[in-house]
Amino acid sequence: MSRHRACEKSKGRKGLVPRVVIVGSVALDTIRTPFDRKKDVLGGSLTYAALASSRFAATGAVGVVGTDFPARWTGLLAKAGVDIRGLARRQGRTFRWSGVYQKDMINRRTLATELNVFADFRPDLPADYRRAPFFLIGNISPALQLRVLEQAPAARFVAADTMNLWINTDRRRLVKLISQTDTLMLNDEEARLLTGRHNLAACAEALLAMGPSYLVIKKGEHGAMLFSRRGIFLAPAYPVGEVRDPTGAGDTFAGAFIGALAASGRVSDAAVRDALIWGSVVASFSVENFGADSLARVRWERIVSRRRELLRMMKV
């Protein structure tokens, strides 16, 4: 079966035991860009990643929302095929983030971060989630990431994200987490901060020595770099005509990556590289509109068509 057909066959997954489990944040974002300002749009690392992954494989979401979280958003996730049994609802307000993007649509300034119910988030996986073979753990604290791993004894492949905050405040547990993952995903700034090196190849050498089989260094509009002990692969970003909101692009990339890898039925260098291309393609749709909900409206045929275009651009 071709890779494309395998992905098509994975659609229509309601009621299936999740093949992918994603843990992260669900947020209501208020975003201002040079194009527009939107209030309380659907956001959070879990939301973007789960909607992207669910295009490829049965996906379970583990996170927390408050009593103010709109029912239309949980309905949208469920309709998109995301299993939300791991999404807890707690008394209080949902995590909120607000920020403003500069004209270059790369640099942004955070205006407010309200953790609310997310401040007390303790991921507890439903029983069947613990049997899932593929995990993506978003950039929550290393202590919580390790808590997830303790509940995933059957995990075949674990990808984890991180951020500057945890590198600066909880390095010891972060290094422990890295040693137990198959793929570490972070951006170039974080890779340099974590290793104390500047050259990205040198950063990759140091990070792979910590234990993971693969390292993905995200470079925003310039795509991503995949490092392993067998070499380097460059995955370009799909060139989007107009970027309206880059929020969640990295999470979308990671979600599509883990979903496509799970749908491939194998873990190999070739499958990992192919999954990165799917990640790049799906992430290109997330930047064209505000909010994670826009991912649910993208037709599968458009995703496949854009992938073909990107592969043609890469051909020598």
Protein backbone atom coordinates (compact mmCIF):
# COMPACT_ATOMS: atom_id res chain seq x y z
CA MET A 1 0.00 0.00 0.00
CA SER A 2 1.38 3.45 -0.89
CA ARG A 3 2.07 6.01 1.82
CA HIS A 4 -0.72 8.18 0.44
CA ARG A 5 -3.25 5.34 0.47
CA ALA A 6 -2.25 4.38 4.01
CA CYS A 7 -3.07 7.89 5.18
CA GLU A 8 -6.39 7.91 3.34
CA LYS A 9 -7.35 4.59 4.88
CA SER A 10 -6.79 5.94 8.39
CA LYS A 11 -9.63 8.44 8.05
CA GLY A 12 -12.91 7.76 9.81
CA ARG A 13 -11.39 6.64 13.12
CA LYS A 14 -14.12 7.39 15.69
CA GLY A 15 -14.34 4.78 18.42
CA LEU A 16 -10.88 3.37 17.81
CA VAL A 17 -8.32 2.98 20.59
CA PRO A 18 -5.88 5.85 20.01
CA ARG A 19 -2.74 4.97 18.12
CA VAL A 20 -1.31 8.39 19.02
CA VAL A 21 -1.61 10.13 22.38
CA ILE A 22 -0.77 13.82 22.64
CA VAL A 23 -0.34 15.71 25.92
CA GLY A 24 -0.23 19.48 26.14
CA SER A 25 -2.10 22.71 26.67
CA VAL A 26 -5.50 23.90 25.49
CA ALA A 27 -5.87 27.66 25.41
CA LEU A 28 -8.07 30.54 24.41
CA ASP A 29 -5.76 32.96 22.57
CA THR A 30 -6.10 36.64 21.88
CA ILE A 31 -3.83 37.52 18.98
CA ARG A 32 -2.98 40.72 17.16
CA THR A 33 -1.09 40.69 13.87
CA PRO A 34 -0.65 43.31 11.14
CA PHE A 35 -3.70 41.72 9.50
CA ASP A 36 -6.26 41.61 12.29
CA ARG A 37 -7.02 41.05 15.97
CA LYS A 38 -8.90 38.00 17.23
CA LYS A 39 -10.11 37.36 20.77
CA ASP A 40 -10.45 33.96 22.49
CA VAL A 41 -9.65 31.83 19.44
CA LEU A 42 -8.98 28.13 19.91
CA GLY A 43 -5.30 27.59 20.72
CA GLY A 44 -2.81 25.62 22.77
CA SER A 45 -0.14 23.09 21.82
CA LEU A 46 -2.44 20.10 22.34
CA THR A 47 -5.19 21.52 20.17
CA TYR A 48 -3.03 22.28 17.14
CA ALA A 49 -1.11 19.01 17.40
CA ALA A 50 -4.18 16.79 17.93
CA LEU A 51 -6.11 18.28 15.02
CA ALA A 52 -3.07 17.74 12.79
CA SER A 53 -2.38 14.19 13.99
CA SER A 54 -6.01 13.13 13.66
CA ARG A 55 -5.76 13.61 9.90
CA PHE A 56 -3.55 10.52 9.82
CA ALA A 57 -4.19 8.30 12.85
CA ALA A 58 -6.60 7.76 15.73
CA THR A 59 -5.49 10.38 18.26
CA GLY A 60 -6.23 10.81 21.95
CA ALA A 61 -5.86 14.21 23.61
CA VAL A 62 -4.76 14.71 27.22
CA GLY A 63 -5.17 18.19 28.68
CA VAL A 64 -7.38 20.38 30.83
CA VAL A 65 -9.92 23.15 30.21
CA GLY A 66 -12.04 25.31 32.48
CA THR A 67 -15.79 25.56 32.85
CA ASP A 68 -15.70 28.55 30.51
CA PHE A 69 -14.36 26.50 27.59
CA PRO A 70 -16.92 26.73 24.77
CA ALA A 71 -18.80 23.55 23.96
CA ARG A 72 -18.42 24.31 20.27
CA TRP A 73 -14.67 23.73 20.56
CA THR A 74 -14.97 20.32 22.25
CA GLY A 75 -17.56 19.49 19.62
CA LEU A 76 -15.18 20.54 16.86
CA LEU A 77 -12.38 18.35 18.25
CA ALA A 78 -14.67 15.34 18.53
CA LYS A 79 -16.10 15.88 15.05
CA ALA A 80 -12.54 16.07 13.68
CA GLY A 81 -11.91 12.59 15.07
CA VAL A 82 -9.92 13.56 18.16
CA ASP A 83 -10.65 11.31 21.14
CA ILE A 84 -11.26 13.80 24.00
CA ARG A 85 -11.78 11.36 26.87
CA GLY A 86 -8.42 12.54 28.23
CA LEU A 87 -9.49 16.19 28.16
CA ALA A 88 -10.49 17.07 31.72
CA ARG A 89 -12.83 19.93 32.58
CA ARG A 90 -12.08 21.67 35.89
CA GLN A 91 -13.79 24.42 37.84
CA GLY A 92 -12.27 27.75 36.82
CA ARG A 93 -11.05 29.54 33.74
CA THR A 94 -9.25 28.01 30.76
CA PHE A 95 -5.58 28.83 30.12
CA ARG A 96 -5.35 32.10 28.22
CA TRP A 97 -2.54 33.68 26.21
CA SER A 98 -2.44 36.98 24.38
CA GLY A 99 0.28 38.40 22.18
CA VAL A 100 1.11 40.70 19.31
CA TYR A 101 3.18 39.88 16.23
CA GLN A 102 5.55 42.33 14.59
CA LYS A 103 5.40 43.15 10.89
CA ASP A 104 7.86 40.37 10.04
CA MET A 105 5.33 37.85 11.46
CA ILE A 106 8.23 36.10 13.22
CA ASN A 107 8.93 38.13 16.32
CA ARG A 108 6.13 38.44 18.84
CA ARG A 109 5.55 39.99 22.23
CA THR A 110 3.53 38.25 24.93
CA LEU A 111 1.01 40.61 26.51
CA ALA A 112 -0.47 38.25 29.09
CA THR A 113 -0.29 34.63 30.21
CA GLU A 114 -3.02 33.33 32.52
CA LEU A 115 -2.42 29.68 33.46
CA ASN A 116 -5.72 29.33 35.35
CA VAL A 117 -6.72 25.61 35.52
CA PHE A 118 -3.58 24.66 33.61
CA ALA A 119 -1.50 25.69 36.64
CA ASP A 120 -2.64 22.54 38.45
CA PHE A 121 -2.61 20.23 35.42
CA ARG A 122 -1.56 16.68 36.28
CA PRO A 123 -1.83 14.42 33.22
CA ASP A 124 -3.64 11.17 33.97
CA LEU A 125 -4.10 8.90 30.97
CA PRO A 126 -7.24 6.81 30.42
CA ALA A 127 -6.46 3.08 30.63
CA ASP A 128 -6.50 2.40 26.89
CA TYR A 129 -4.39 5.48 26.15
CA ARG A 130 -1.60 3.79 28.13
CA ARG A 131 -1.42 1.09 25.49
CA ALA A 132 -0.87 3.54 22.63
CA PRO A 133 2.34 3.00 20.64
CA PHE A 134 3.02 6.65 19.69
CA PHE A 135 3.26 9.62 22.04
CA LEU A 136 3.84 13.33 21.55
CA ILE A 137 4.46 15.21 24.80
CA GLY A 138 4.19 18.97 24.45
CA ASN A 139 6.36 21.51 26.24
CA ILE A 140 4.86 21.14 29.68
CA SER A 141 7.27 20.89 32.62
CA PRO A 142 9.80 18.01 32.51
CA ALA A 143 8.29 16.66 35.75
CA LEU A 144 4.90 16.30 34.05
CA GLN A 145 6.48 14.91 30.88
CA LEU A 146 8.16 12.22 32.97
CA ARG A 147 4.81 11.55 34.66
CA VAL A 148 3.35 10.81 31.23
CA LEU A 149 6.16 8.41 30.38
CA GLU A 150 5.53 6.49 33.59
CA GLN A 151 2.00 5.83 32.31
CA ALA A 152 3.14 4.71 28.85
CA PRO A 153 4.95 1.38 29.28
CA ALA A 154 3.91 0.18 25.81
CA ALA A 155 5.17 3.26 23.97
CA ARG A 156 6.99 2.34 20.78
CA PHE A 157 7.95 5.89 19.82
CA VAL A 158 7.99 9.01 21.99
CA ALA A 159 8.50 12.54 20.70
CA ALA A 160 8.88 15.42 23.14
CA ASP A 161 9.02 19.19 22.83
CA THR A 162 10.52 21.70 25.23
CA MET A 163 11.14 25.42 25.65
CA ASN A 164 13.58 27.96 27.10
CA LEU A 165 11.76 28.10 30.44
CA TRP A 166 12.43 24.44 31.26
CA ILE A 167 16.00 24.60 29.96
CA ASN A 168 16.69 27.43 32.39
CA THR A 169 14.73 26.19 35.41
CA ASP A 170 14.65 22.37 35.34
CA ARG A 171 17.57 21.20 33.28
CA ARG A 172 18.25 18.07 35.35
CA ARG A 173 14.81 16.56 34.82
CA LEU A 174 14.77 17.74 31.21
CA VAL A 175 17.99 15.83 30.48
CA LYS A 176 16.43 12.76 32.14
CA LEU A 177 13.38 13.11 29.91
CA ILE A 178 15.52 13.49 26.78
CA SER A 179 17.31 10.23 27.60
CA GLN A 180 13.94 8.41 27.49
CA THR A 181 12.60 9.85 24.23
CA ASP A 182 13.01 8.70 20.64
CA THR A 183 12.77 12.19 19.16
CA LEU A 184 13.46 15.57 20.73
CA MET A 185 11.85 18.54 18.97
CA LEU A 186 12.99 22.10 19.66
CA ASN A 187 13.93 25.25 17.79
CA ASP A 188 17.44 26.45 16.96
CA GLU A 189 17.55 28.97 19.82
CA GLU A 190 16.59 26.27 22.33
CA ALA A 191 19.15 23.83 20.92
CA ARG A 192 21.90 26.41 21.42
CA LEU A 193 20.74 27.27 24.93
CA LEU A 194 20.54 23.63 25.99
CA THR A 195 23.98 22.68 24.67
CA GLY A 196 25.93 25.91 25.03
CA ARG A 197 27.07 25.53 21.41
CA HIS A 198 26.30 27.68 18.38
CA ASN A 199 26.82 25.47 15.34
CA LEU A 200 23.67 23.41 14.90
CA ALA A 201 25.56 20.29 13.84
CA ALA A 202 27.55 20.54 17.07
CA CYS A 203 24.32 21.09 19.01
CA ALA A 204 22.86 17.98 17.40
CA GLU A 205 25.90 15.89 18.29
CA ALA A 206 25.59 16.90 21.94
CA LEU A 207 21.83 16.32 22.08
CA LEU A 208 21.93 12.92 20.37
CA ALA A 209 24.55 11.90 22.92
CA MET A 210 21.86 12.39 25.57
CA GLY A 211 19.94 9.41 24.21
CA PRO A 212 17.31 10.14 21.53
CA SER A 213 17.51 8.41 18.14
CA TYR A 214 16.38 11.52 16.30
CA LEU A 215 16.60 15.26 16.80
CA VAL A 216 14.35 17.73 15.00
CA ILE A 217 15.46 21.36 15.04
CA LYS A 218 12.62 23.60 13.91
CA LYS A 219 13.56 26.71 11.95
CA GLY A 220 10.17 28.32 11.33
CA GLU A 221 9.73 29.59 7.79
CA HIS A 222 13.01 27.85 6.86
CA GLY A 223 11.69 24.38 7.64
CA ALA A 224 13.33 21.83 9.90
CA MET A 225 16.54 19.85 10.25
CA LEU A 226 16.47 16.16 11.16
CA PHE A 227 19.59 14.72 12.77
CA SER A 228 20.34 11.10 13.56
CA ARG A 229 23.51 9.09 13.99
CA ARG A 230 23.18 8.15 10.32
CA GLY A 231 23.06 11.63 8.87
CA ILE A 232 21.10 14.84 8.30
CA PHE A 233 17.87 15.47 6.41
CA LEU A 234 16.52 18.93 5.54
CA ALA A 235 12.75 19.36 5.36
CA PRO A 236 11.81 22.68 3.74
CA ALA A 237 8.77 24.68 4.77
CA TYR A 238 6.02 24.93 2.18
CA PRO A 239 6.16 28.52 0.85
CA VAL A 240 2.86 30.08 1.87
CA GLY A 241 1.64 33.10 -0.09
CA GLU A 242 0.29 35.00 2.94
CA VAL A 243 0.96 34.29 6.61
CA ARG A 244 -1.91 35.59 8.74
CA ASP A 245 -1.15 33.98 12.11
CA PRO A 246 1.93 31.82 12.83
CA THR A 247 0.69 30.78 16.30
CA GLY A 248 0.77 27.01 16.71
CA ALA A 249 2.69 26.26 13.50
CA GLY A 250 5.36 24.28 15.36
CA ASP A 251 2.74 22.29 17.26
CA THR A 252 0.87 21.57 14.03
CA PHE A 253 4.13 20.40 12.47
CA ALA A 254 4.81 18.08 15.42
CA GLY A 255 1.27 16.71 15.43
CA ALA A 256 1.23 15.92 11.73
CA PHE A 257 4.69 14.38 12.07
CA ILE A 258 3.68 11.93 14.83
CA GLY A 259 0.35 11.13 13.16
CA ALA A 260 1.93 10.43 9.78
CA LEU A 261 4.63 8.29 11.38
CA ALA A 262 2.01 6.28 13.25
CA ALA A 263 0.01 5.81 10.04
CA SER A 264 3.07 4.54 8.17
CA GLY A 265 3.13 1.37 10.24
CA ARG A 266 6.88 1.49 10.74
CA VAL A 267 9.67 3.45 12.38
CA SER A 268 12.63 3.88 10.07
CA ASP A 269 14.77 6.71 8.75
CA ALA A 270 12.69 6.80 5.57
CA ALA A 271 9.39 6.86 7.49
CA VAL A 272 10.63 9.60 9.83
CA ARG A 273 11.76 11.74 6.90
CA ASP A 274 8.47 11.25 5.10
CA ALA A 275 6.58 12.18 8.28
CA LEU A 276 8.55 15.44 8.44
CA ILE A 277 7.35 16.35 4.96
CA TRP A 278 3.75 15.73 5.99
CA GLY A 279 4.41 17.91 9.05
CA SER A 280 5.73 20.74 6.91
CA VAL A 281 2.72 20.57 4.60
CA VAL A 282 0.03 20.53 7.30
CA ALA A 283 1.78 23.33 9.22
CA SER A 284 1.53 25.52 6.13
CA PHE A 285 -2.26 25.51 6.44
CA SER A 286 -2.18 26.53 10.10
CA VAL A 287 -0.47 29.88 9.39
CA GLU A 288 -3.00 30.94 6.78
CA ASN A 289 -5.79 31.60 9.32
CA PHE A 290 -6.33 32.46 12.97
CA GLY A 291 -6.93 29.67 15.47
CA ALA A 292 -6.46 25.92 15.53
CA ASP A 293 -10.03 25.33 14.38
CA SER A 294 -9.05 26.33 10.84
CA LEU A 295 -7.17 23.02 10.55
CA ALA A 296 -10.43 21.09 10.82
CA ARG A 297 -11.75 22.83 7.70
CA VAL A 298 -8.87 21.93 5.38
CA ARG A 299 -9.87 19.24 2.91
CA TRP A 300 -7.67 16.15 2.77
CA GLU A 301 -7.32 16.55 -0.99
CA ARG A 302 -5.69 19.96 -0.48
CA ILE A 303 -3.17 18.48 1.94
CA VAL A 304 -2.23 15.74 -0.51
CA SER A 305 -2.00 18.22 -3.39
CA ARG A 306 0.25 20.58 -1.43
CA ARG A 307 2.51 17.66 -0.47
CA ARG A 308 2.92 16.79 -4.14
CA GLU A 309 3.82 20.40 -4.88
CA LEU A 310 6.43 20.47 -2.13
CA LEU A 311 8.00 17.22 -3.35
CA ARG A 312 8.21 18.67 -6.86
CA MET A 313 9.96 21.75 -5.45
CA MET A 314 12.48 19.48 -3.72
CA LYS A 315 13.25 17.40 -6.79
CA VAL A 316 16.73 17.81 -8.29
